[in-house]
């Protein structure tokens, strides 16, 4: 729980949405979960500093990028979301054609996702989305997802692609590879949509299970980590997991106003989707696979190498926006092998004085390195009595007992 912010914690399951949270007669029965106001003394949501929103927003905010949220709905009457949803989107029922959407979210799930993705800072920047300039296209399921025919679920994905979303957030998981959903994902990808999906929260109850659409080729599957960067116990794992993001006790928007705290891969996912929106603004000509390439290449590895619990590592939005093209695996596909460096943020002084300062920084860093090497040499010489030759072996080395393992700080 985010007790520092004084927010009531509410952990929403990834899937399915509870049947009790169904729409009846145009209203939610029972009412949608309500949030709490932020106390006056509450500080910013911790994820803002953890992922370096401020630095990333110097380069991009997601402005001009339309993000699809296929979920339980988005209550855009929330003050943080009013400017983020320019059109009502689409509502999908259990039968019949899609219809116009509405500002209704009986489960609270989609509204929480939307807040993490694109909530506006407004006059209270303590809660903001990772892409506060992006727009949201909501596709709302009026029926709980476990009761929704897979064809209707696929229709929602296709509808978002038809409305030209550039990134697509899918915070749900299916235990089966459904042909209709698979084809809908391929349909979106063929239209250059970056598809981001939750890995799921069933690691403890169904270990080893593959979950879809996260496991489909070309989809960026998102696992969840805690504040220390360690995978959540419930976060699903597998070779299909692509990246990880914070997913524990995240402060976000609730239907009807107010805020709540959420946990799970459902809510790590919009952080990655929002970061993809930042890249799509900054590099508008970059195709979807290379957007994913940037996100994964810039991720901070949890265990020193890619693994099945966190994929390429933990999301780093600023690094994804600034990594040179030559550092990306796909750089070999580009003609000429040119290194396209990201431009410096607006207002940055690129004057001669700046270049001189950078040069001196390099010189000082070199001198510091030489000093460190010299100190090491002095210590080694002292240990062998200032005589030439290798260091004498210690008793532990003679016995072959290994020393302590290297430690990497994440």
Protein backbone atom coordinates (compact mmCIF):
# COMPACT_ATOMS: atom_id res chain seq x y z
CA UNK A 1 0.00 0.00 0.00
CA UNK A 2 1.14 3.54 -0.66
CA UNK A 3 0.61 4.67 2.89
CA UNK A 4 2.81 7.74 2.37
CA UNK A 5 0.21 9.08 -0.01
CA UNK A 6 -2.61 8.11 2.29
CA UNK A 7 -4.32 6.23 -0.51
CA UNK A 8 -6.54 3.23 0.18
CA UNK A 9 -4.94 0.22 -1.49
CA UNK A 10 -7.04 -1.78 -3.89
CA UNK A 11 -5.40 -4.65 -5.74
CA UNK A 12 -7.28 -5.38 -8.94
CA UNK A 13 -6.97 -8.83 -10.48
CA UNK A 14 -5.61 -9.02 -14.01
CA UNK A 15 -8.38 -11.23 -15.40
CA UNK A 16 -11.15 -12.01 -15.20
CA UNK A 17 -13.11 -8.95 -14.20
CA UNK A 18 -15.56 -9.97 -11.51
CA UNK A 19 -19.04 -10.83 -12.85
CA UNK A 20 -20.42 -8.75 -9.98
CA UNK A 21 -18.97 -5.68 -11.66
CA UNK A 22 -21.34 -5.94 -14.61
CA UNK A 23 -23.37 -3.25 -16.31
CA UNK A 24 -27.08 -3.57 -15.64
CA UNK A 25 -29.56 -1.20 -17.19
CA UNK A 26 -26.83 1.22 -18.19
CA UNK A 27 -25.37 1.48 -14.67
CA UNK A 28 -22.91 -0.52 -12.60
CA UNK A 29 -24.34 -3.03 -10.12
CA UNK A 30 -22.75 -2.90 -7.60
CA UNK A 31 -21.27 0.60 -8.06
CA UNK A 32 -17.76 0.90 -9.43
CA UNK A 33 -14.92 1.06 -6.87
CA UNK A 34 -14.37 4.59 -5.60
CA UNK A 35 -11.05 6.20 -4.93
CA UNK A 36 -9.88 8.47 -2.15
CA UNK A 37 -8.62 12.07 -2.32
CA UNK A 38 -4.92 12.67 -1.98
CA UNK A 39 -4.05 14.12 1.43
CA UNK A 40 -2.67 17.63 1.36
CA UNK A 41 0.69 16.49 2.73
CA UNK A 42 1.09 13.59 0.27
CA UNK A 43 4.12 13.67 -1.98
CA UNK A 44 4.41 12.65 -5.64
CA UNK A 45 3.65 9.07 -6.62
CA UNK A 46 6.98 7.20 -6.17
CA UNK A 47 6.93 5.80 -9.71
CA UNK A 48 7.37 9.34 -11.11
CA UNK A 49 10.87 9.57 -9.66
CA UNK A 50 11.62 5.86 -10.03
CA UNK A 51 11.17 5.96 -13.81
CA UNK A 52 12.46 9.52 -14.25
CA UNK A 53 9.30 11.02 -15.73
CA UNK A 54 10.68 14.56 -15.53
CA UNK A 55 13.80 13.77 -17.55
CA UNK A 56 11.86 11.80 -20.15
CA UNK A 57 9.27 14.57 -20.50
CA UNK A 58 12.00 17.03 -21.50
CA UNK A 59 12.24 14.98 -24.69
CA UNK A 60 8.66 13.75 -25.27
CA UNK A 61 5.24 13.65 -23.61
CA UNK A 62 3.43 11.47 -26.11
CA UNK A 63 1.76 14.48 -27.74
CA UNK A 64 0.01 13.57 -30.97
CA UNK A 65 0.09 9.82 -30.24
CA UNK A 66 -3.21 7.92 -29.92
CA UNK A 67 -3.10 5.01 -27.46
CA UNK A 68 -5.74 2.30 -27.49
CA UNK A 69 -6.93 0.97 -24.12
CA UNK A 70 -8.95 -2.22 -24.62
CA UNK A 71 -10.36 -2.83 -21.17
CA UNK A 72 -13.34 -2.40 -18.84
CA UNK A 73 -13.82 1.22 -19.89
CA UNK A 74 -12.38 4.63 -19.04
CA UNK A 75 -14.24 7.10 -16.85
CA UNK A 76 -13.01 10.25 -18.55
CA UNK A 77 -15.06 12.40 -16.18
CA UNK A 78 -12.07 12.11 -13.84
CA UNK A 79 -10.26 15.50 -13.75
CA UNK A 80 -6.99 13.82 -14.66
CA UNK A 81 -8.45 12.14 -17.74
CA UNK A 82 -10.81 14.72 -19.23
CA UNK A 83 -8.22 16.05 -21.65
CA UNK A 84 -6.84 12.61 -22.42
CA UNK A 85 -9.94 11.12 -24.10
CA UNK A 86 -10.91 13.26 -27.12
CA UNK A 87 -13.56 10.83 -28.40
CA UNK A 88 -15.87 8.30 -26.70
CA UNK A 89 -14.32 5.30 -28.38
CA UNK A 90 -16.24 2.05 -28.74
CA UNK A 91 -18.31 -0.21 -26.51
CA UNK A 92 -18.29 -3.97 -27.10
CA UNK A 93 -21.10 -6.13 -25.73
CA UNK A 94 -21.49 -9.90 -25.64
CA UNK A 95 -23.38 -9.79 -28.93
CA UNK A 96 -24.20 -7.40 -31.71
CA UNK A 97 -22.01 -4.81 -33.42
CA UNK A 98 -19.81 -2.38 -31.51
CA UNK A 99 -21.45 0.85 -30.41
CA UNK A 100 -20.32 4.26 -29.15
CA UNK A 101 -18.48 4.27 -25.84
CA UNK A 102 -19.38 6.12 -22.67
CA UNK A 103 -17.62 7.35 -19.54
CA UNK A 104 -18.43 4.24 -17.54
CA UNK A 105 -16.12 1.69 -15.92
CA UNK A 106 -17.81 -0.82 -13.65
CA UNK A 107 -14.61 -2.61 -12.63
CA UNK A 108 -12.29 0.38 -12.28
CA UNK A 109 -9.61 -1.57 -14.15
CA UNK A 110 -9.53 0.43 -17.39
CA UNK A 111 -9.65 3.78 -15.62
CA UNK A 112 -6.65 2.76 -13.49
CA UNK A 113 -4.78 1.68 -16.62
CA UNK A 114 -5.62 4.95 -18.41
CA UNK A 115 -4.36 7.04 -15.48
CA UNK A 116 -0.98 5.32 -15.41
CA UNK A 117 -0.67 5.79 -19.14
CA UNK A 118 -1.83 9.35 -19.77
CA UNK A 119 -3.19 11.16 -16.70
CA UNK A 120 -2.68 14.91 -17.01
CA UNK A 121 -0.61 16.60 -14.29
CA UNK A 122 -2.98 19.58 -14.25
CA UNK A 123 -2.61 21.74 -11.16
CA UNK A 124 -1.55 18.74 -9.06
CA UNK A 125 1.45 16.94 -10.61
CA UNK A 126 1.69 14.41 -7.76
CA UNK A 127 -0.19 11.92 -9.97
CA UNK A 128 0.55 11.87 -13.69
CA UNK A 129 0.76 9.39 -16.51
CA UNK A 130 4.02 8.37 -18.12
CA UNK A 131 2.77 9.91 -21.40
CA UNK A 132 0.74 12.92 -20.21
CA UNK A 133 0.47 14.36 -23.71
CA UNK A 134 -0.90 11.22 -25.35
CA UNK A 135 -4.56 10.73 -26.23
CA UNK A 136 -6.54 7.62 -25.30
CA UNK A 137 -8.95 5.72 -27.51
CA UNK A 138 -11.02 3.55 -25.13
CA UNK A 139 -12.56 0.25 -26.20
CA UNK A 140 -14.93 -0.77 -23.42
CA UNK A 141 -16.22 -4.25 -22.71
CA UNK A 142 -19.68 -3.89 -21.18
CA UNK A 143 -19.65 -7.61 -20.34
CA UNK A 144 -17.09 -9.16 -17.95
CA UNK A 145 -14.28 -10.44 -20.09
CA UNK A 146 -14.61 -14.09 -19.03
CA UNK A 147 -18.15 -14.07 -20.39
CA UNK A 148 -17.27 -12.26 -23.60
CA UNK A 149 -17.12 -14.35 -26.80
CA UNK A 150 -13.59 -14.37 -28.16
CA UNK A 151 -14.87 -12.96 -31.44
CA UNK A 152 -16.06 -9.86 -29.60
CA UNK A 153 -12.73 -9.54 -27.84
CA UNK A 154 -11.00 -9.72 -31.20
CA UNK A 155 -13.45 -7.14 -32.55
CA UNK A 156 -12.33 -4.70 -29.86
CA UNK A 157 -8.67 -5.09 -30.87
CA UNK A 158 -9.52 -4.63 -34.54
CA UNK A 159 -11.65 -1.58 -33.76
CA UNK A 160 -8.72 0.12 -32.03
CA UNK A 161 -6.45 -0.64 -35.00
CA UNK A 162 -9.08 0.70 -37.41
CA UNK A 163 -9.13 3.97 -35.47
CA UNK A 164 -5.40 4.37 -36.08
CA UNK A 165 -4.04 3.95 -32.60
CA UNK A 166 -0.24 3.90 -32.66
CA UNK A 167 0.18 1.97 -29.40
CA UNK A 168 -2.25 -0.58 -27.96
CA UNK A 169 -2.55 -1.55 -24.28
CA UNK A 170 -3.95 -5.03 -23.52
CA UNK A 171 -4.07 -5.56 -19.75
CA UNK A 172 -5.72 -8.96 -19.85
CA UNK A 173 -4.53 -12.53 -20.34
CA UNK A 174 -5.98 -15.69 -21.85
CA UNK A 175 -4.79 -19.19 -21.03
CA UNK A 176 -5.47 -20.40 -24.58
CA UNK A 177 -4.22 -19.42 -28.00
CA UNK A 178 -7.47 -18.26 -29.61
CA UNK A 179 -7.33 -17.96 -33.44
CA UNK A 180 -9.66 -14.94 -33.53
CA UNK A 181 -7.57 -13.00 -31.01
CA UNK A 182 -4.33 -14.07 -32.69
CA UNK A 183 -5.59 -12.84 -36.05
CA UNK A 184 -6.73 -9.54 -34.49
CA UNK A 185 -3.25 -9.01 -33.05
CA UNK A 186 -1.70 -9.67 -36.45
CA UNK A 187 -4.22 -7.25 -37.96
CA UNK A 188 -3.07 -4.50 -35.59
CA UNK A 189 0.61 -5.26 -36.16
CA UNK A 190 0.13 -5.08 -39.93
CA UNK A 191 -1.04 -1.50 -39.36
CA UNK A 192 2.18 -0.63 -37.53
CA UNK A 193 0.64 -0.68 -34.05
CA UNK A 194 2.93 -1.28 -31.06
CA UNK A 195 1.05 -3.99 -29.15
CA UNK A 196 1.84 -4.21 -25.42
CA UNK A 197 0.22 -6.90 -23.24
CA UNK A 198 0.30 -7.96 -19.60
CA UNK A 199 2.16 -11.17 -18.78
CA UNK A 200 -0.46 -12.08 -16.14
CA UNK A 201 -0.53 -12.71 -12.41
CA UNK A 202 -0.83 -16.49 -12.14
CA UNK A 203 2.78 -17.52 -11.48
CA UNK A 204 1.93 -18.97 -8.08
CA UNK A 205 -1.25 -20.79 -9.06
CA UNK A 206 -0.38 -21.86 -12.63
CA UNK A 207 3.41 -21.90 -12.99
CA UNK A 208 4.74 -22.55 -16.46
CA UNK A 209 1.50 -21.63 -18.23
CA UNK A 210 1.78 -19.57 -21.42
CA UNK A 211 -0.55 -16.57 -21.59
CA UNK A 212 -1.95 -14.72 -24.57
CA UNK A 213 -1.92 -12.23 -26.22
CA UNK A 214 1.36 -11.55 -24.39
CA UNK A 215 3.03 -14.61 -25.94
CA UNK A 216 2.11 -13.86 -29.56
CA UNK A 217 5.06 -12.99 -31.83
CA UNK A 218 5.81 -9.29 -31.97
CA UNK A 219 3.81 -8.47 -28.83
CA UNK A 220 5.77 -6.86 -25.98
CA UNK A 221 4.86 -8.89 -22.88
CA UNK A 222 5.20 -7.00 -19.60
CA UNK A 223 6.08 -8.52 -16.23
CA UNK A 224 5.89 -6.63 -12.91
CA UNK A 225 8.60 -5.76 -10.38
CA UNK A 226 8.52 -4.17 -6.94
CA UNK A 227 10.23 -0.99 -5.72
CA UNK A 228 13.56 -2.84 -5.45
CA UNK A 229 13.35 -4.02 -9.06
CA UNK A 230 12.66 -7.64 -8.10
CA UNK A 231 9.92 -9.61 -9.89
CA UNK A 232 6.61 -9.87 -8.09
CA UNK A 233 5.87 -13.41 -6.92
CA UNK A 234 2.60 -13.51 -8.89
CA UNK A 235 4.07 -12.15 -12.13
CA UNK A 236 4.07 -14.83 -14.83
CA UNK A 237 7.34 -15.87 -16.43
CA UNK A 238 8.46 -17.53 -19.61
CA UNK A 239 10.67 -17.03 -22.66
CA UNK A 240 7.90 -14.87 -24.12
CA UNK A 241 8.26 -12.16 -21.41
CA UNK A 242 9.86 -9.13 -23.05
CA UNK A 243 10.31 -6.46 -20.38
CA UNK A 244 9.35 -5.56 -16.80
CA UNK A 245 8.04 -2.39 -15.16
CA UNK A 246 7.00 -1.30 -11.66
CA UNK A 247 3.74 -2.99 -10.77
CA UNK A 248 3.29 -2.78 -7.00
CA UNK A 249 1.18 -0.21 -5.16
CA UNK A 250 0.95 2.30 -8.01
CA UNK A 251 -1.21 5.38 -7.37
CA UNK A 252 -3.68 5.98 -10.18
CA UNK A 253 -7.12 7.25 -11.13
CA UNK A 254 -10.40 5.71 -9.96
CA UNK A 255 -13.89 5.93 -11.51
CA UNK A 256 -15.89 8.87 -10.22
CA UNK A 257 -12.80 10.78 -9.09
CA UNK A 258 -10.15 10.18 -6.47
CA UNK A 259 -7.26 7.74 -6.47
CA UNK A 260 -6.43 4.19 -5.52
CA UNK A 261 -3.36 1.98 -5.35
CA UNK A 262 -3.10 -1.01 -7.67
CA UNK A 263 -0.78 -3.99 -8.03
CA UNK A 264 -0.14 -6.45 -10.83
CA UNK A 265 1.09 -6.84 -14.39
CA UNK A 266 -2.09 -5.12 -15.61
CA UNK A 267 -0.70 -1.88 -14.25
CA UNK A 268 2.94 -2.37 -15.15
CA UNK A 269 1.74 -2.68 -18.76
CA UNK A 270 0.48 0.90 -19.31
CA UNK A 271 3.83 2.25 -18.10
CA UNK A 272 5.47 0.42 -21.00
CA UNK A 273 2.68 1.42 -23.39
CA UNK A 274 3.15 5.05 -22.36
CA UNK A 275 6.90 4.80 -22.89
CA UNK A 276 6.20 3.47 -26.38
CA UNK A 277 4.03 6.55 -26.97
CA UNK A 278 6.96 8.76 -25.98
CA UNK A 279 9.17 7.03 -28.55
CA UNK A 280 6.49 7.29 -31.24
CA UNK A 281 6.33 11.04 -30.71
CA UNK A 282 10.10 11.53 -30.69
CA UNK A 283 10.74 9.17 -33.62
CA UNK A 284 7.50 9.31 -35.65
CA UNK A 285 8.91 7.36 -38.61
CA UNK A 286 10.20 4.47 -36.48
CA UNK A 287 8.26 1.25 -37.23
CA UNK A 288 6.63 -0.65 -34.38
CA UNK A 289 9.23 -3.46 -34.12
CA UNK A 290 12.00 -0.90 -33.69
CA UNK A 291 10.03 0.93 -31.00
CA UNK A 292 9.95 -2.35 -29.08
CA UNK A 293 13.63 -2.80 -29.89
CA UNK A 294 14.42 0.54 -28.23
CA UNK A 295 12.44 -0.27 -25.10
CA UNK A 296 14.11 -3.64 -24.62
CA UNK A 297 17.63 -2.51 -25.50
CA UNK A 298 17.50 0.32 -22.96
CA UNK A 299 16.00 -1.77 -20.13
CA UNK A 300 17.97 -2.20 -16.89
CA UNK A 301 18.72 -5.88 -16.43
CA UNK A 302 17.69 -7.37 -13.12
CA UNK A 303 19.98 -10.39 -13.06
CA UNK A 304 22.76 -9.14 -15.33
CA UNK A 305 21.24 -10.83 -18.38
CA UNK A 306 17.80 -11.34 -19.91
CA UNK A 307 15.70 -13.88 -18.05
CA UNK A 308 12.22 -15.37 -18.09
CA UNK A 309 10.94 -13.34 -15.13
CA UNK A 310 11.83 -9.84 -16.27
CA UNK A 311 12.67 -10.27 -19.94
CA UNK A 312 15.21 -7.72 -21.14
CA UNK A 313 15.03 -5.92 -17.78
CA UNK A 314 13.19 -3.03 -16.12
CA UNK A 315 11.80 -0.17 -18.18
CA UNK A 316 14.01 2.94 -18.50
CA UNK A 317 12.04 5.57 -20.49
CA UNK A 318 14.80 8.19 -20.74
CA UNK A 319 17.35 5.66 -21.95
CA UNK A 320 14.88 4.36 -24.53
CA UNK A 321 14.50 7.90 -25.87
CA UNK A 322 18.23 8.59 -26.07
CA UNK A 323 20.03 5.33 -26.91
CA UNK A 324 21.97 5.70 -30.21
CA UNK A 325 20.66 3.69 -33.13
CA UNK A 326 23.98 1.86 -33.44
CA UNK A 327 23.47 0.38 -29.97
CA UNK A 328 20.24 -1.34 -31.06
CA UNK A 329 20.16 -4.91 -32.39
CA UNK A 330 18.21 -3.72 -35.43
CA UNK A 331 20.89 -1.18 -36.40
CA UNK A 332 22.39 -3.69 -38.85
CA UNK A 333 19.14 -3.49 -40.82
CA UNK A 334 19.63 0.21 -41.51
CA UNK A 335 21.56 1.27 -44.62
CA UNK A 336 24.98 2.78 -44.08
CA UNK A 337 25.22 1.90 -40.39
CA UNK A 338 24.85 5.56 -39.42
CA UNK A 339 24.67 6.52 -35.76
CA UNK A 340 21.70 8.87 -35.32
CA UNK A 341 22.19 10.52 -31.95
CA UNK A 342 19.11 11.88 -30.21
CA UNK A 343 19.03 15.69 -30.16
CA UNK A 344 19.64 17.46 -26.87
CA UNK A 345 16.60 18.69 -24.91
CA UNK A 346 15.20 22.13 -25.73
CA UNK A 347 17.06 24.91 -23.97
CA UNK A 348 20.25 22.91 -23.67
CA UNK A 349 23.33 25.08 -24.30
CA UNK A 350 25.36 23.54 -27.10
CA UNK A 351 27.81 26.42 -27.13
CA UNK A 352 31.60 26.36 -27.21
CA UNK A 353 31.60 26.70 -23.42
CA UNK A 354 29.56 23.53 -23.14
CA UNK A 355 31.95 21.64 -25.41
CA UNK A 356 34.92 22.85 -23.39
CA UNK A 357 33.21 21.73 -20.17
CA UNK A 358 32.58 18.29 -21.64
CA UNK A 359 36.20 18.05 -22.74
CA UNK A 360 37.44 18.93 -19.26
CA UNK A 361 35.03 16.36 -17.81
CA UNK A 362 36.60 13.71 -20.01
CA UNK A 363 40.11 14.75 -18.99
CA UNK A 364 39.24 14.71 -15.29
CA UNK A 365 37.57 11.33 -15.63
CA UNK A 366 40.70 9.95 -17.31
CA UNK A 367 42.91 11.34 -14.55
CA UNK A 368 40.65 9.80 -11.91
CA UNK A 369 40.89 6.43 -13.65
CA UNK A 370 44.67 6.66 -13.82
CA UNK A 371 44.80 7.55 -10.13
CA UNK A 372 42.65 4.54 -9.27
CA UNK A 373 44.86 2.24 -11.36
CA UNK A 374 47.96 3.73 -9.70
CA UNK A 375 46.54 3.16 -6.23
CA UNK A 376 45.74 -0.44 -7.10
CA UNK A 377 49.28 -0.96 -8.38
CA UNK A 378 50.73 0.47 -5.15
CA UNK A 379 48.60 -1.85 -3.01
CA UNK A 380 49.57 -4.88 -5.09
CA UNK A 381 53.28 -3.94 -4.93
CA UNK A 382 53.11 -3.54 -1.16
CA UNK A 383 51.50 -6.97 -0.74
CA UNK A 384 54.36 -8.69 -2.56
CA UNK A 385 57.02 -6.70 -0.65
CA UNK A 386 57.66 -4.35 -3.58
CA UNK A 387 59.17 -7.27 -5.52
CA UNK A 388 58.35 -8.09 -9.12
CA UNK A 389 56.07 -11.02 -9.80
CA UNK A 390 52.54 -12.21 -9.01
CA UNK A 391 50.76 -11.81 -5.71
CA UNK A 392 51.28 -14.60 -3.14
CA UNK A 393 48.25 -16.92 -3.02
CA UNK A 394 46.12 -16.85 0.11
CA UNK A 395 45.15 -19.96 2.06
CA UNK A 396 41.62 -19.76 0.71
CA UNK A 397 42.88 -19.62 -2.87
CA UNK A 398 45.14 -22.62 -2.24
CA UNK A 399 42.15 -24.65 -1.04
CA UNK A 400 40.12 -23.57 -4.04
CA UNK A 401 37.36 -21.98 -1.94
CA UNK A 402 35.49 -19.47 -4.10
CA UNK A 403 35.28 -15.88 -2.98
CA UNK A 404 32.04 -13.89 -2.68
CA UNK A 405 30.13 -13.45 -5.95
CA UNK A 406 30.13 -10.18 -7.81
CA UNK A 407 27.24 -7.94 -6.87
CA UNK A 408 25.34 -5.80 -9.34
CA UNK A 409 23.22 -2.93 -8.08
CA UNK A 410 19.93 -2.50 -9.97
